[in-house]
Amino acid sequence: MSRVDFDEASWFPVDLHVPERWFGFARIAPDVVERSSFLDTRIEASIGVLERVPVDQLPVLPPPARVGWLFHTSFCGSTLLARALHGTARTVLREPLVLRRLGDARRGGWSVDGLVDPAVRLLGRSWSEDGRVVIKPTHAALNVGRELLDAAPATRGVILTSSLDDFLISNIKKTPETHAKVPELAERALNASPFGARLPRAAFAAPDLLEAVALQWAAQREVCAELLNHAGDRLRTLDAADLYAHPGEIAVATAVWLGDAPDAAAIRQRAAQVASRNAKAMDVAYDAAVRAREAAAIAQHYARELDAARAWFDQHVAPHMSDAARNLGSRSPLTAAAST
């Protein structure tokens, strides 16, 4: 018999084996959720042996109602917003591994039927009395975004993206290991929408890193546009530039839109604290001014490469983007007025 208490959110679904259809549970403390930048293989806890529970032995939990979604593309400040929203009565789950497993399974051709609903219901359990949960799926799980929303029909969400220039500059700052993943990430996004079928052959032969990054940006926006079309009025869009410029106001507006009645002053204070640090390494000082100086220096140093990437993108990719993806930020934008 399983030791898992399914009424306790601290019995967390740490992993999911899609082919064998079991969830792996471990007991984790709330401070692990607070501390961990990601709740995937990088979770900051010693997990040990998982308690495996076959999906057909899970109890039928109610659909979560007090849940919000933070969907996002790559490198757009989603960890900053997630940390700003996290609080005593609001637990933000940053990129749970089970959602990555679902995205990987969909990409690999495995059926996820019968797995999405229990995953969402398990993640949606409250960590405190009357507490809310915000789930931030990895961008690699955008290909199951529709199913995630359908599993919790009473919930709302936001989609956080960035401009092409911001995306290109952010990628330049990344490590060689991250650069090596760009083709896979582009391919993953291309397979998650009809966009790839509209592209000419030249779009799949990016001459250099930044051109491949530009293709990834467009492909992820197309997936987000499809998700927005599917969700109707349940989703709002956010631009990273607005988040960086006004972290407190954006965090408050997001909390309100997701159905919260937040302490606005407390959220603004937390957002200010988070925005003064590196959201993925909170012991490192980093703020909007540093980000702007870095971006300006990179734009100047790599001006020729950036111009070449934009020109290639304008010729081979941009003409084939949907209006919905191209203008994603202006579709259902989240503002202070729209958050109620």
Protein backbone atom coordinates (compact mmCIF):
# COMPACT_ATOMS: atom_id res chain seq x y z
CA MET A 1 0.00 0.00 0.00
CA SER A 2 1.24 3.47 -0.88
CA ARG A 3 2.43 5.75 1.93
CA VAL A 4 1.42 8.84 -0.05
CA ASP A 5 -1.16 11.11 1.54
CA PHE A 6 -2.82 12.56 -1.53
CA ASP A 7 -4.51 15.28 0.49
CA GLU A 8 -1.09 16.74 1.31
CA ALA A 9 0.55 18.87 -1.37
CA SER A 10 3.91 18.16 0.30
CA TRP A 11 3.64 14.65 -1.12
CA PHE A 12 4.81 16.04 -4.41
CA PRO A 13 4.73 14.34 -7.83
CA VAL A 14 8.45 14.62 -8.41
CA ASP A 15 8.52 12.51 -11.56
CA LEU A 16 6.36 10.78 -14.14
CA HIS A 17 7.20 7.71 -16.21
CA VAL A 18 4.97 8.01 -19.25
CA PRO A 19 5.59 4.60 -20.92
CA GLU A 20 5.03 2.72 -17.64
CA ARG A 21 2.35 5.19 -16.52
CA TRP A 22 3.36 5.83 -12.92
CA PHE A 23 3.95 8.95 -10.85
CA GLY A 24 6.88 9.12 -8.46
CA PHE A 25 6.19 10.94 -5.18
CA ALA A 26 8.47 12.32 -2.49
CA ARG A 27 7.81 14.39 0.61
CA ILE A 28 9.20 17.90 0.15
CA ALA A 29 8.97 20.93 2.43
CA PRO A 30 7.55 24.29 1.34
CA ASP A 31 11.01 25.84 1.61
CA VAL A 32 12.19 23.49 -1.15
CA VAL A 33 9.58 25.00 -3.45
CA GLU A 34 10.64 28.48 -2.33
CA ARG A 35 14.34 27.79 -2.78
CA SER A 36 14.41 25.78 -6.00
CA SER A 37 14.62 27.77 -9.21
CA PHE A 38 13.21 24.72 -10.97
CA LEU A 39 11.29 21.69 -9.71
CA ASP A 40 12.79 19.37 -12.28
CA THR A 41 16.05 17.44 -12.07
CA ARG A 42 17.58 20.61 -10.57
CA ILE A 43 15.30 20.60 -7.51
CA GLU A 44 17.26 21.67 -4.42
CA ALA A 45 16.46 18.66 -2.26
CA SER A 46 17.76 15.18 -1.58
CA ILE A 47 14.88 13.15 -2.94
CA GLY A 48 16.00 9.57 -2.39
CA VAL A 49 13.76 6.68 -3.44
CA LEU A 50 10.46 7.71 -4.98
CA GLU A 51 7.14 6.28 -3.93
CA ARG A 52 5.81 4.94 -7.22
CA VAL A 53 2.06 4.99 -7.75
CA PRO A 54 0.50 3.66 -10.98
CA VAL A 55 -1.88 6.16 -12.53
CA ASP A 56 -4.78 3.72 -12.26
CA GLN A 57 -4.25 3.57 -8.48
CA LEU A 58 -4.46 7.33 -7.93
CA PRO A 59 -7.53 8.67 -6.14
CA VAL A 60 -9.87 10.84 -8.16
CA LEU A 61 -9.01 14.35 -7.03
CA PRO A 62 -11.29 17.30 -7.83
CA PRO A 63 -10.35 19.60 -10.71
CA PRO A 64 -8.31 22.49 -9.30
CA ALA A 65 -10.07 25.84 -9.27
CA ARG A 66 -7.60 27.96 -7.29
CA VAL A 67 -4.84 27.56 -9.85
CA GLY A 68 -3.22 29.97 -12.29
CA TRP A 69 -0.89 29.34 -15.22
CA LEU A 70 2.34 31.10 -16.16
CA PHE A 71 3.17 29.99 -19.70
CA HIS A 72 6.26 31.46 -21.31
CA THR A 73 8.79 31.26 -24.10
CA SER A 74 12.52 30.98 -23.46
CA PHE A 75 14.58 33.71 -21.77
CA CYS A 76 11.81 36.19 -20.97
CA GLY A 77 12.00 36.73 -17.21
CA SER A 78 9.52 34.04 -16.21
CA THR A 79 11.55 33.01 -13.16
CA LEU A 80 11.57 36.63 -11.98
CA LEU A 81 7.78 36.86 -12.24
CA ALA A 82 7.33 33.45 -10.62
CA ARG A 83 9.48 34.41 -7.64
CA ALA A 84 7.68 37.74 -7.32
CA LEU A 85 4.31 35.97 -7.14
CA HIS A 86 5.39 33.35 -4.61
CA GLY A 87 4.18 34.05 -1.08
CA THR A 88 2.54 32.66 2.04
CA ALA A 89 -0.88 32.21 0.45
CA ARG A 90 0.40 31.71 -3.09
CA THR A 91 2.71 28.85 -4.04
CA VAL A 92 4.38 29.04 -7.43
CA LEU A 93 5.57 25.72 -8.85
CA ARG A 94 8.44 26.51 -11.18
CA GLU A 95 8.73 24.01 -14.02
CA PRO A 96 7.67 20.74 -12.37
CA LEU A 97 9.39 17.78 -13.98
CA VAL A 98 6.12 15.93 -14.58
CA LEU A 99 5.11 18.60 -17.11
CA ARG A 100 8.46 18.30 -18.89
CA ARG A 101 7.86 14.56 -19.06
CA LEU A 102 4.48 15.16 -20.71
CA GLY A 103 6.02 17.54 -23.23
CA ASP A 104 8.83 15.11 -24.00
CA ALA A 105 6.35 12.26 -24.40
CA ARG A 106 4.21 14.25 -26.82
CA ARG A 107 7.30 15.11 -28.85
CA GLY A 108 8.40 11.46 -28.84
CA GLY A 109 5.05 10.14 -30.02
CA TRP A 110 3.88 8.63 -26.74
CA SER A 111 0.25 8.99 -25.76
CA VAL A 112 -0.40 11.28 -22.80
CA ASP A 113 -4.07 10.32 -22.59
CA GLY A 114 -5.12 9.79 -18.99
CA LEU A 115 -1.96 11.43 -17.61
CA VAL A 116 -2.55 15.17 -17.98
CA ASP A 117 -5.63 15.37 -15.76
CA PRO A 118 -4.04 13.61 -12.76
CA ALA A 119 -0.83 15.61 -13.20
CA VAL A 120 -2.71 18.91 -13.08
CA ARG A 121 -4.89 17.83 -10.15
CA LEU A 122 -1.87 16.69 -8.17
CA LEU A 123 0.04 19.90 -8.84
CA GLY A 124 -3.05 21.99 -8.09
CA ARG A 125 -3.35 20.90 -4.45
CA SER A 126 -3.06 23.84 -2.07
CA TRP A 127 -0.02 24.17 0.18
CA SER A 128 -1.91 26.19 2.78
CA GLU A 129 -5.49 26.74 3.89
CA ASP A 130 -7.27 28.64 1.12
CA GLY A 131 -3.91 29.05 -0.61
CA ARG A 132 -3.57 29.38 -4.35
CA VAL A 133 -1.18 27.61 -6.69
CA VAL A 134 0.46 29.10 -9.78
CA ILE A 135 2.00 26.56 -12.15
CA LYS A 136 4.83 27.64 -14.45
CA PRO A 137 5.35 24.89 -17.03
CA THR A 138 8.66 24.71 -18.83
CA HIS A 139 8.52 26.12 -22.36
CA ALA A 140 9.23 22.55 -23.48
CA ALA A 141 5.69 21.70 -22.31
CA LEU A 142 3.98 24.30 -24.50
CA ASN A 143 3.09 21.41 -26.80
CA VAL A 144 0.68 20.11 -24.13
CA GLY A 145 -0.55 23.56 -23.11
CA ARG A 146 -4.03 22.98 -24.49
CA GLU A 147 -4.45 19.80 -22.48
CA LEU A 148 -3.19 21.51 -19.32
CA LEU A 149 -5.80 24.26 -19.66
CA ASP A 150 -8.53 21.77 -20.51
CA ALA A 151 -7.71 19.79 -17.37
CA ALA A 152 -8.55 22.83 -15.23
CA PRO A 153 -11.32 24.66 -17.12
CA ALA A 154 -12.03 27.13 -14.31
CA THR A 155 -8.49 28.54 -14.36
CA ARG A 156 -6.80 31.50 -16.02
CA GLY A 157 -3.27 32.10 -17.17
CA VAL A 158 -0.75 34.46 -18.72
CA ILE A 159 1.72 34.00 -21.57
CA LEU A 160 5.02 35.82 -21.08
CA THR A 161 7.15 36.49 -24.18
CA SER A 162 9.85 38.88 -25.37
CA SER A 163 10.74 40.81 -28.51
CA LEU A 164 13.00 39.30 -31.16
CA ASP A 165 15.84 41.69 -30.30
CA ASP A 166 15.60 40.89 -26.58
CA PHE A 167 15.55 37.18 -27.40
CA LEU A 168 18.62 37.39 -29.63
CA ILE A 169 20.60 39.41 -27.10
CA SER A 170 19.60 37.14 -24.24
CA ASN A 171 20.82 34.10 -26.17
CA ILE A 172 24.20 35.69 -26.86
CA LYS A 173 24.76 35.82 -23.09
CA LYS A 174 24.08 32.09 -22.64
CA THR A 175 26.62 29.30 -22.30
CA PRO A 176 27.85 27.06 -25.13
CA GLU A 177 25.78 24.26 -23.59
CA THR A 178 22.63 26.36 -23.97
CA HIS A 179 23.61 27.37 -27.51
CA ALA A 180 23.93 23.69 -28.43
CA LYS A 181 20.28 23.14 -27.49
CA VAL A 182 18.91 25.79 -29.88
CA PRO A 183 18.28 23.46 -32.86
CA GLU A 184 16.41 20.99 -30.64
CA LEU A 185 14.31 23.74 -29.05
CA ALA A 186 13.45 25.18 -32.45
CA GLU A 187 12.52 21.75 -33.77
CA ARG A 188 10.39 21.03 -30.70
CA ALA A 189 8.42 24.24 -31.18
CA LEU A 190 8.10 23.75 -34.94
CA ASN A 191 6.54 20.34 -34.37
CA ALA A 192 3.98 21.79 -31.95
CA SER A 193 2.15 23.99 -34.48
CA PRO A 194 1.43 24.13 -38.23
CA PHE A 195 4.10 26.81 -38.64
CA GLY A 196 6.82 24.49 -39.91
CA ALA A 197 4.71 23.42 -42.87
CA ARG A 198 4.52 27.04 -44.07
CA LEU A 199 8.25 27.67 -44.03
CA PRO A 200 10.52 27.48 -47.08
CA ARG A 201 13.45 25.10 -47.13
CA ALA A 202 15.87 27.97 -46.52
CA ALA A 203 14.33 28.58 -43.09
CA PHE A 204 15.62 25.18 -41.96
CA ALA A 205 19.19 25.97 -42.99
CA ALA A 206 20.12 28.73 -40.57
CA PRO A 207 23.67 29.83 -41.41
CA ASP A 208 24.67 30.61 -37.82
CA LEU A 209 23.55 30.53 -34.20
CA LEU A 210 21.56 33.76 -34.13
CA GLU A 211 19.58 32.83 -37.23
CA ALA A 212 18.62 29.54 -35.55
CA VAL A 213 17.69 31.50 -32.43
CA ALA A 214 15.43 33.76 -34.50
CA LEU A 215 13.68 30.69 -35.92
CA GLN A 216 13.21 29.36 -32.39
CA TRP A 217 11.68 32.68 -31.33
CA ALA A 218 9.16 32.61 -34.17
CA ALA A 219 8.29 28.95 -33.64
CA GLN A 220 7.63 29.42 -29.93
CA ARG A 221 5.44 32.44 -30.61
CA GLU A 222 3.40 30.40 -33.08
CA VAL A 223 2.78 27.77 -30.39
CA CYS A 224 1.74 30.51 -27.96
CA ALA A 225 -0.61 31.99 -30.56
CA GLU A 226 -2.25 28.58 -31.01
CA LEU A 227 -2.62 28.31 -27.24
CA LEU A 228 -4.17 31.76 -27.05
CA ASN A 229 -6.62 30.88 -29.82
CA HIS A 230 -7.60 27.74 -27.95
CA ALA A 231 -8.04 29.37 -24.55
CA GLY A 232 -10.17 32.30 -25.63
CA ASP A 233 -10.59 34.85 -22.85
CA ARG A 234 -8.78 32.76 -20.23
CA LEU A 235 -5.28 33.94 -21.17
CA ARG A 236 -3.55 37.31 -21.18
CA THR A 237 -0.21 38.19 -22.77
CA LEU A 238 2.77 39.88 -21.14
CA ASP A 239 5.96 41.30 -22.61
CA ALA A 240 9.24 40.87 -20.78
CA ALA A 241 10.15 44.53 -21.32
CA ASP A 242 7.12 45.61 -19.30
CA LEU A 243 7.99 43.14 -16.56
CA TYR A 244 11.57 44.41 -16.32
CA ALA A 245 10.43 48.04 -16.29
CA HIS A 246 7.58 47.63 -13.79
CA PRO A 247 8.04 44.33 -11.90
CA GLY A 248 5.82 45.28 -8.97
CA GLU A 249 2.88 46.50 -11.02
CA ILE A 250 3.07 43.57 -13.43
CA ALA A 251 3.22 41.07 -10.55
CA VAL A 252 0.18 42.64 -8.88
CA ALA A 253 -1.77 42.72 -12.15
CA THR A 254 -0.87 39.09 -12.80
CA ALA A 255 -2.01 37.98 -9.35
CA VAL A 256 -5.32 39.80 -9.75
CA TRP A 257 -5.89 38.35 -13.22
CA LEU A 258 -5.21 34.84 -11.95
CA GLY A 259 -8.04 35.26 -9.45
CA ASP A 260 -6.17 36.43 -6.39
CA ALA A 261 -7.05 39.19 -3.96
CA PRO A 262 -3.44 40.05 -3.23
CA ASP A 263 -1.78 42.29 -0.72
CA ALA A 264 -0.50 44.65 -3.40
CA ALA A 265 2.07 46.31 -1.15
CA ALA A 266 3.57 42.97 -0.14
CA ILE A 267 3.77 41.79 -3.76
CA ARG A 268 5.42 45.03 -4.86
CA GLN A 269 7.96 44.73 -2.07
CA ARG A 270 8.77 41.13 -2.95
CA ALA A 271 8.95 41.97 -6.66
CA ALA A 272 11.41 44.79 -5.91
CA GLN A 273 13.57 42.39 -3.90
CA VAL A 274 13.53 39.72 -6.60
CA ALA A 275 14.16 42.26 -9.38
CA SER A 276 17.36 43.36 -7.62
CA ARG A 277 18.82 39.85 -7.78
CA ASN A 278 19.49 37.19 -10.40
CA ALA A 279 16.20 35.26 -10.29
CA LYS A 280 18.02 31.96 -10.93
CA ALA A 281 20.82 32.69 -8.45
CA MET A 282 19.36 34.86 -5.72
CA ASP A 283 22.71 35.47 -4.03
CA VAL A 284 23.88 37.44 -7.09
CA ALA A 285 22.97 41.13 -7.39
CA TYR A 286 21.35 41.96 -10.74
CA ASP A 287 18.79 44.58 -11.71
CA ALA A 288 17.18 46.35 -14.66
CA ALA A 289 20.04 48.84 -14.94
CA VAL A 290 22.64 46.08 -15.17
CA ARG A 291 20.47 44.23 -17.69
CA ALA A 292 20.15 47.36 -19.84
CA ARG A 293 23.90 48.04 -19.77
CA GLU A 294 24.65 44.45 -20.72
CA ALA A 295 22.13 44.55 -23.56
CA ALA A 296 23.54 47.80 -24.93
CA ALA A 297 27.09 46.47 -24.82
CA ILE A 298 26.09 43.23 -26.55
CA ALA A 299 24.08 45.08 -29.20
CA GLN A 300 27.12 47.21 -29.99
CA HIS A 301 29.68 44.41 -29.93
CA TYR A 302 27.60 42.00 -32.02
CA ALA A 303 25.94 44.59 -34.27
CA ARG A 304 27.02 42.87 -37.49
CA GLU A 305 25.84 39.43 -36.37
CA LEU A 306 22.54 40.82 -35.11
CA ASP A 307 21.92 42.69 -38.35
CA ALA A 308 22.64 39.53 -40.35
CA ALA A 309 20.25 37.49 -38.21
CA ARG A 310 17.47 40.06 -38.57
CA ALA A 311 17.95 40.22 -42.34
CA TRP A 312 17.85 36.43 -42.67
CA PHE A 313 14.78 36.29 -40.44
CA ASP A 314 13.01 39.01 -42.43
CA GLN A 315 13.65 37.14 -45.67
CA HIS A 316 13.02 33.51 -44.74
CA VAL A 317 10.87 33.39 -41.59
CA ALA A 318 8.88 36.55 -40.87
CA PRO A 319 6.79 36.48 -44.08
CA HIS A 320 5.41 33.09 -43.10
CA MET A 321 4.44 33.92 -39.52
CA SER A 322 0.78 34.25 -38.68
CA ASP A 323 -0.53 37.67 -37.75
CA ALA A 324 -1.52 36.18 -34.40
CA ALA A 325 2.07 35.18 -33.60
CA ARG A 326 3.65 38.31 -35.02
CA ASN A 327 1.35 40.52 -32.94
CA LEU A 328 1.15 38.24 -29.92
CA GLY A 329 1.94 40.97 -27.41
CA SER A 330 -0.96 43.13 -28.55
CA ARG A 331 -3.50 40.31 -28.34
CA SER A 332 -5.26 40.22 -24.97
CA PRO A 333 -2.48 42.16 -23.22
CA LEU A 334 -2.44 42.15 -19.44
CA THR A 335 -2.72 45.64 -18.02
CA ALA A 336 -3.75 46.92 -14.61
CA ALA A 337 -7.20 47.66 -16.06
CA ALA A 338 -7.50 44.26 -17.75
CA SER A 339 -6.52 42.30 -14.65
CA THR A 340 -9.92 42.56 -12.95
